[in-house]
Amino acid sequence: MADLPLNTLKGPAGGVLSLQTRVSDFTSQAVRLQFCGHHMNSPVDHCPVNAYFMMLLSPEGARRQLLYKSESIADKNPTWKSFVVPLAHFTCPSTSTCTIEVDVYNYVANAE
């Protein structure tokens, strides 16, 4: 198992994402991931934290593709369920560079 620190691209309000990897039976076909958050705060004072994330494949010059959307968890230190993404989902057109984006959102019911 290894901890891989990832840099956030969004301003000082961003957080730190830690990625842990383990060898599994699916190594040649898929990757199993699990994410957790620490000390998360709602961007609006009157709304509780109810965080979820979306993992997207972002090919340069093309539309982003959703790889996974998590369940929302009402906790400032959420641990989301682990999930499996087939390695075939990480392929991008041969002419472009791809990045993986993990965007975290706060679910607010009945919001505009």
N, C-alpha and C. Protein backbone atom coordinates (compact mmCIF):
# COMPACT_ATOMS: atom_id res chain seq x y z
N MET A 1 0.85 -1.18 0.00
CA MET A 1 0.00 0.00 0.00
C MET A 1 0.90 1.23 0.00
N ALA A 2 0.52 2.25 -0.76
CA ALA A 2 1.30 3.47 -0.84
C ALA A 2 0.39 4.68 -0.75
N ASP A 3 0.86 5.72 -0.08
CA ASP A 3 0.15 7.00 -0.05
C ASP A 3 0.73 7.88 -1.13
N LEU A 4 -0.11 8.39 -1.99
CA LEU A 4 0.34 9.26 -3.07
C LEU A 4 -0.28 10.63 -2.87
N PRO A 5 0.50 11.64 -2.45
CA PRO A 5 -0.07 12.98 -2.29
C PRO A 5 -0.40 13.58 -3.64
N LEU A 6 -1.56 14.19 -3.74
CA LEU A 6 -1.98 14.85 -4.98
C LEU A 6 -2.16 16.32 -4.69
N ASN A 7 -1.74 17.16 -5.59
CA ASN A 7 -1.88 18.60 -5.42
C ASN A 7 -3.25 19.04 -5.86
N THR A 8 -3.82 19.98 -5.13
CA THR A 8 -5.10 20.55 -5.54
C THR A 8 -4.83 21.70 -6.50
N LEU A 9 -5.72 21.90 -7.45
CA LEU A 9 -5.54 22.93 -8.45
C LEU A 9 -6.32 24.20 -8.14
N LYS A 10 -7.23 24.14 -7.18
CA LYS A 10 -8.08 25.28 -6.89
C LYS A 10 -7.57 25.99 -5.64
N GLY A 11 -7.40 27.27 -5.68
CA GLY A 11 -7.01 28.18 -4.62
C GLY A 11 -6.77 27.64 -3.22
N PRO A 12 -6.54 28.54 -2.27
CA PRO A 12 -6.20 28.15 -0.90
C PRO A 12 -7.34 27.47 -0.16
N ALA A 13 -8.57 27.58 -0.64
CA ALA A 13 -9.70 26.93 0.02
C ALA A 13 -9.74 25.44 -0.30
N GLY A 14 -8.90 25.00 -1.23
CA GLY A 14 -8.87 23.59 -1.62
C GLY A 14 -8.36 22.72 -0.50
N GLY A 15 -8.49 21.43 -0.66
CA GLY A 15 -8.05 20.48 0.34
C GLY A 15 -6.92 19.63 -0.17
N VAL A 16 -6.63 18.59 0.57
CA VAL A 16 -5.59 17.65 0.20
C VAL A 16 -6.26 16.32 -0.09
N LEU A 17 -5.87 15.70 -1.16
CA LEU A 17 -6.41 14.41 -1.55
C LEU A 17 -5.31 13.38 -1.40
N SER A 18 -5.57 12.34 -0.63
CA SER A 18 -4.60 11.28 -0.44
C SER A 18 -5.13 10.04 -1.13
N LEU A 19 -4.32 9.44 -1.97
CA LEU A 19 -4.72 8.26 -2.72
C LEU A 19 -3.91 7.08 -2.23
N GLN A 20 -4.58 6.00 -1.85
CA GLN A 20 -3.90 4.79 -1.42
C GLN A 20 -4.10 3.72 -2.47
N THR A 21 -3.04 2.99 -2.77
CA THR A 21 -3.13 1.94 -3.77
C THR A 21 -2.78 0.60 -3.16
N ARG A 22 -3.44 -0.44 -3.62
CA ARG A 22 -3.17 -1.82 -3.20
C ARG A 22 -3.26 -2.72 -4.41
N VAL A 23 -2.45 -3.75 -4.42
CA VAL A 23 -2.53 -4.74 -5.49
C VAL A 23 -3.76 -5.59 -5.23
N SER A 24 -4.55 -5.85 -6.27
CA SER A 24 -5.75 -6.67 -6.11
C SER A 24 -5.84 -7.70 -7.21
N ASP A 25 -6.86 -8.54 -7.14
CA ASP A 25 -7.08 -9.56 -8.16
C ASP A 25 -7.45 -8.94 -9.51
N PHE A 26 -7.90 -7.70 -9.50
CA PHE A 26 -8.38 -7.05 -10.72
C PHE A 26 -7.30 -6.21 -11.41
N THR A 27 -6.03 -6.37 -11.02
CA THR A 27 -5.00 -5.44 -11.50
C THR A 27 -4.93 -5.33 -13.01
N SER A 28 -5.21 -6.39 -13.73
CA SER A 28 -5.10 -6.28 -15.18
C SER A 28 -6.40 -5.80 -15.83
N GLN A 29 -7.48 -5.68 -15.06
CA GLN A 29 -8.78 -5.34 -15.64
C GLN A 29 -9.41 -4.08 -15.06
N ALA A 30 -9.16 -3.80 -13.78
CA ALA A 30 -9.84 -2.68 -13.13
C ALA A 30 -9.01 -2.18 -11.95
N VAL A 31 -9.42 -1.04 -11.43
CA VAL A 31 -8.78 -0.48 -10.25
C VAL A 31 -9.87 -0.20 -9.21
N ARG A 32 -9.59 -0.56 -7.95
CA ARG A 32 -10.52 -0.30 -6.85
C ARG A 32 -10.00 0.93 -6.11
N LEU A 33 -10.87 1.91 -5.90
CA LEU A 33 -10.51 3.15 -5.23
C LEU A 33 -11.44 3.41 -4.07
N GLN A 34 -10.93 4.15 -3.09
CA GLN A 34 -11.76 4.61 -1.98
C GLN A 34 -11.23 5.97 -1.55
N PHE A 35 -12.13 6.93 -1.37
CA PHE A 35 -11.74 8.28 -0.98
C PHE A 35 -12.34 8.63 0.37
N CYS A 36 -11.66 9.51 1.09
CA CYS A 36 -12.20 10.04 2.34
C CYS A 36 -11.85 11.52 2.43
N GLY A 37 -12.63 12.25 3.19
CA GLY A 37 -12.39 13.68 3.39
C GLY A 37 -12.11 13.95 4.85
N HIS A 38 -11.43 15.04 5.13
CA HIS A 38 -11.09 15.40 6.51
C HIS A 38 -11.37 16.88 6.73
N HIS A 39 -12.04 17.19 7.84
CA HIS A 39 -12.30 18.57 8.26
C HIS A 39 -13.01 19.37 7.17
N MET A 40 -14.02 18.78 6.56
CA MET A 40 -14.76 19.47 5.50
C MET A 40 -15.76 20.44 6.11
N ASN A 41 -15.95 21.56 5.45
CA ASN A 41 -16.90 22.57 5.89
C ASN A 41 -17.85 22.92 4.76
N SER A 42 -19.07 23.27 5.13
CA SER A 42 -20.04 23.71 4.13
C SER A 42 -19.66 25.11 3.66
N PRO A 43 -19.80 25.40 2.37
CA PRO A 43 -19.49 26.74 1.88
C PRO A 43 -20.51 27.79 2.35
N VAL A 44 -21.66 27.34 2.83
CA VAL A 44 -22.70 28.25 3.31
C VAL A 44 -23.00 27.90 4.76
N ASP A 45 -22.99 28.90 5.65
CA ASP A 45 -23.13 28.67 7.09
C ASP A 45 -24.39 27.91 7.48
N HIS A 46 -25.51 28.18 6.85
CA HIS A 46 -26.78 27.58 7.27
C HIS A 46 -27.02 26.19 6.67
N CYS A 47 -26.09 25.67 5.87
CA CYS A 47 -26.26 24.35 5.25
C CYS A 47 -25.30 23.35 5.88
N PRO A 48 -25.79 22.19 6.27
CA PRO A 48 -24.89 21.18 6.83
C PRO A 48 -24.03 20.54 5.73
N VAL A 49 -22.94 19.93 6.15
CA VAL A 49 -22.08 19.21 5.21
C VAL A 49 -22.78 17.93 4.79
N ASN A 50 -22.89 17.71 3.50
CA ASN A 50 -23.49 16.51 2.92
C ASN A 50 -22.72 16.25 1.62
N ALA A 51 -21.47 15.84 1.77
CA ALA A 51 -20.52 15.81 0.66
C ALA A 51 -20.65 14.57 -0.22
N TYR A 52 -20.41 14.80 -1.51
CA TYR A 52 -20.27 13.71 -2.48
C TYR A 52 -19.21 14.13 -3.49
N PHE A 53 -18.70 13.16 -4.25
CA PHE A 53 -17.69 13.51 -5.25
C PHE A 53 -18.02 12.86 -6.58
N MET A 54 -17.44 13.44 -7.62
CA MET A 54 -17.54 12.88 -8.96
C MET A 54 -16.12 12.75 -9.50
N MET A 55 -15.81 11.59 -10.07
CA MET A 55 -14.51 11.37 -10.69
C MET A 55 -14.73 11.39 -12.20
N LEU A 56 -13.97 12.25 -12.89
CA LEU A 56 -14.16 12.45 -14.32
C LEU A 56 -12.85 12.26 -15.09
N LEU A 57 -12.97 11.75 -16.29
CA LEU A 57 -11.86 11.69 -17.23
C LEU A 57 -11.97 12.93 -18.10
N SER A 58 -10.90 13.71 -18.15
CA SER A 58 -10.95 14.99 -18.86
C SER A 58 -9.93 15.01 -20.00
N PRO A 59 -10.34 14.57 -21.21
CA PRO A 59 -9.43 14.63 -22.36
C PRO A 59 -9.23 16.08 -22.80
N GLU A 60 -8.02 16.41 -23.17
CA GLU A 60 -7.72 17.76 -23.63
C GLU A 60 -8.53 18.08 -24.88
N GLY A 61 -9.29 19.18 -24.83
CA GLY A 61 -10.06 19.62 -25.99
C GLY A 61 -11.34 18.84 -26.24
N ALA A 62 -11.78 18.03 -25.28
CA ALA A 62 -13.00 17.24 -25.47
C ALA A 62 -13.85 17.30 -24.20
N ARG A 63 -15.08 16.78 -24.29
CA ARG A 63 -15.99 16.77 -23.13
C ARG A 63 -15.48 15.83 -22.06
N ARG A 64 -15.70 16.22 -20.81
CA ARG A 64 -15.34 15.35 -19.69
C ARG A 64 -16.31 14.18 -19.64
N GLN A 65 -15.80 13.03 -19.18
CA GLN A 65 -16.61 11.82 -19.08
C GLN A 65 -16.68 11.40 -17.61
N LEU A 66 -17.90 11.18 -17.13
CA LEU A 66 -18.09 10.75 -15.75
C LEU A 66 -17.64 9.30 -15.60
N LEU A 67 -16.72 9.07 -14.66
CA LEU A 67 -16.26 7.72 -14.36
C LEU A 67 -17.00 7.15 -13.16
N TYR A 68 -17.32 8.03 -12.17
CA TYR A 68 -17.99 7.56 -10.97
C TYR A 68 -18.59 8.75 -10.22
N LYS A 69 -19.76 8.54 -9.62
CA LYS A 69 -20.38 9.52 -8.73
C LYS A 69 -20.69 8.81 -7.42
N SER A 70 -20.23 9.37 -6.32
CA SER A 70 -20.40 8.73 -5.01
C SER A 70 -21.77 9.04 -4.41
N GLU A 71 -22.05 8.37 -3.33
CA GLU A 71 -23.21 8.70 -2.51
C GLU A 71 -22.85 9.92 -1.68
N SER A 72 -23.85 10.66 -1.19
CA SER A 72 -23.56 11.80 -0.32
C SER A 72 -23.53 11.32 1.12
N ILE A 73 -22.63 11.93 1.90
CA ILE A 73 -22.45 11.55 3.30
C ILE A 73 -22.48 12.82 4.15
N ALA A 74 -23.36 12.83 5.16
CA ALA A 74 -23.50 13.98 6.04
C ALA A 74 -22.51 13.85 7.20
N ASP A 75 -21.25 14.16 6.92
CA ASP A 75 -20.19 14.03 7.92
C ASP A 75 -19.04 14.93 7.50
N LYS A 76 -18.38 15.57 8.46
CA LYS A 76 -17.23 16.43 8.13
C LYS A 76 -15.98 15.62 7.83
N ASN A 77 -15.99 14.33 8.15
CA ASN A 77 -14.87 13.42 7.87
C ASN A 77 -15.40 12.17 7.17
N PRO A 78 -15.96 12.33 5.96
CA PRO A 78 -16.61 11.19 5.30
C PRO A 78 -15.61 10.17 4.76
N THR A 79 -16.02 8.91 4.79
CA THR A 79 -15.31 7.85 4.09
C THR A 79 -16.33 7.22 3.16
N TRP A 80 -16.12 7.41 1.87
CA TRP A 80 -17.06 6.90 0.88
C TRP A 80 -16.78 5.43 0.61
N LYS A 81 -17.80 4.73 0.12
CA LYS A 81 -17.66 3.31 -0.23
C LYS A 81 -16.59 3.15 -1.31
N SER A 82 -15.87 2.03 -1.24
CA SER A 82 -14.90 1.76 -2.30
C SER A 82 -15.67 1.41 -3.57
N PHE A 83 -15.03 1.60 -4.71
CA PHE A 83 -15.67 1.34 -5.99
C PHE A 83 -14.62 0.86 -6.98
N VAL A 84 -15.08 0.20 -8.02
CA VAL A 84 -14.19 -0.35 -9.04
C VAL A 84 -14.45 0.36 -10.37
N VAL A 85 -13.37 0.77 -11.02
CA VAL A 85 -13.46 1.38 -12.35
C VAL A 85 -12.65 0.52 -13.31
N PRO A 86 -13.26 0.01 -14.37
CA PRO A 86 -12.50 -0.77 -15.36
C PRO A 86 -11.39 0.09 -15.97
N LEU A 87 -10.22 -0.50 -16.15
CA LEU A 87 -9.10 0.24 -16.72
C LEU A 87 -9.42 0.77 -18.11
N ALA A 88 -10.30 0.09 -18.83
CA ALA A 88 -10.69 0.56 -20.17
C ALA A 88 -11.32 1.95 -20.12
N HIS A 89 -11.91 2.32 -18.97
CA HIS A 89 -12.53 3.64 -18.84
C HIS A 89 -11.50 4.77 -18.78
N PHE A 90 -10.24 4.43 -18.50
CA PHE A 90 -9.20 5.44 -18.39
C PHE A 90 -8.52 5.74 -19.71
N THR A 91 -8.91 5.08 -20.77
CA THR A 91 -8.28 5.34 -22.06
C THR A 91 -8.88 6.58 -22.70
N CYS A 92 -8.02 7.35 -23.34
CA CYS A 92 -8.50 8.55 -24.02
C CYS A 92 -8.02 8.51 -25.46
N PRO A 93 -8.58 9.35 -26.30
CA PRO A 93 -8.17 9.35 -27.71
C PRO A 93 -6.66 9.50 -27.82
N SER A 94 -6.07 8.80 -28.77
CA SER A 94 -4.61 8.79 -28.91
C SER A 94 -4.02 10.16 -29.21
N THR A 95 -4.84 11.07 -29.69
CA THR A 95 -4.33 12.39 -30.05
C THR A 95 -4.39 13.40 -28.91
N SER A 96 -4.92 13.01 -27.75
CA SER A 96 -5.05 13.99 -26.67
C SER A 96 -4.44 13.49 -25.36
N THR A 97 -4.21 14.42 -24.47
CA THR A 97 -3.75 14.13 -23.12
C THR A 97 -4.96 14.13 -22.21
N CYS A 98 -5.00 13.20 -21.27
CA CYS A 98 -6.14 13.11 -20.35
C CYS A 98 -5.69 13.34 -18.92
N THR A 99 -6.56 13.93 -18.15
CA THR A 99 -6.35 14.05 -16.71
C THR A 99 -7.55 13.44 -16.01
N ILE A 100 -7.34 13.01 -14.78
CA ILE A 100 -8.43 12.52 -13.93
C ILE A 100 -8.76 13.63 -12.95
N GLU A 101 -10.01 14.02 -12.88
CA GLU A 101 -10.45 15.06 -11.97
C GLU A 101 -11.38 14.45 -10.93
N VAL A 102 -11.19 14.86 -9.68
CA VAL A 102 -12.11 14.47 -8.61
C VAL A 102 -12.66 15.77 -8.04
N ASP A 103 -13.95 16.01 -8.29
CA ASP A 103 -14.62 17.22 -7.82
C ASP A 103 -15.51 16.86 -6.64
N VAL A 104 -15.41 17.63 -5.55
CA VAL A 104 -16.22 17.39 -4.36
C VAL A 104 -17.28 18.48 -4.26
N TYR A 105 -18.51 18.06 -3.96
CA TYR A 105 -19.64 18.97 -3.87
C TYR A 105 -20.37 18.76 -2.55
N ASN A 106 -21.15 19.77 -2.17
CA ASN A 106 -22.01 19.67 -1.00
C ASN A 106 -23.45 19.58 -1.49
N TYR A 107 -24.10 18.45 -1.24
CA TYR A 107 -25.48 18.26 -1.67
C TYR A 107 -26.41 19.04 -0.75
N VAL A 108 -27.23 19.89 -1.35
CA VAL A 108 -28.20 20.67 -0.60
C VAL A 108 -29.57 20.39 -1.20
N ALA A 109 -30.43 19.70 -0.45
CA ALA A 109 -31.78 19.39 -0.93
C ALA A 109 -32.58 20.68 -1.08
N ASN A 110 -33.40 20.73 -2.11
CA ASN A 110 -34.29 21.86 -2.38
C ASN A 110 -33.55 23.16 -2.66
N ALA A 111 -32.30 23.08 -3.09
CA ALA A 111 -31.56 24.30 -3.43
C ALA A 111 -31.81 24.65 -4.88
N GLU A 112 -31.66 25.92 -5.21
CA GLU A 112 -31.85 26.38 -6.59
C GLU A 112 -30.63 26.08 -7.40
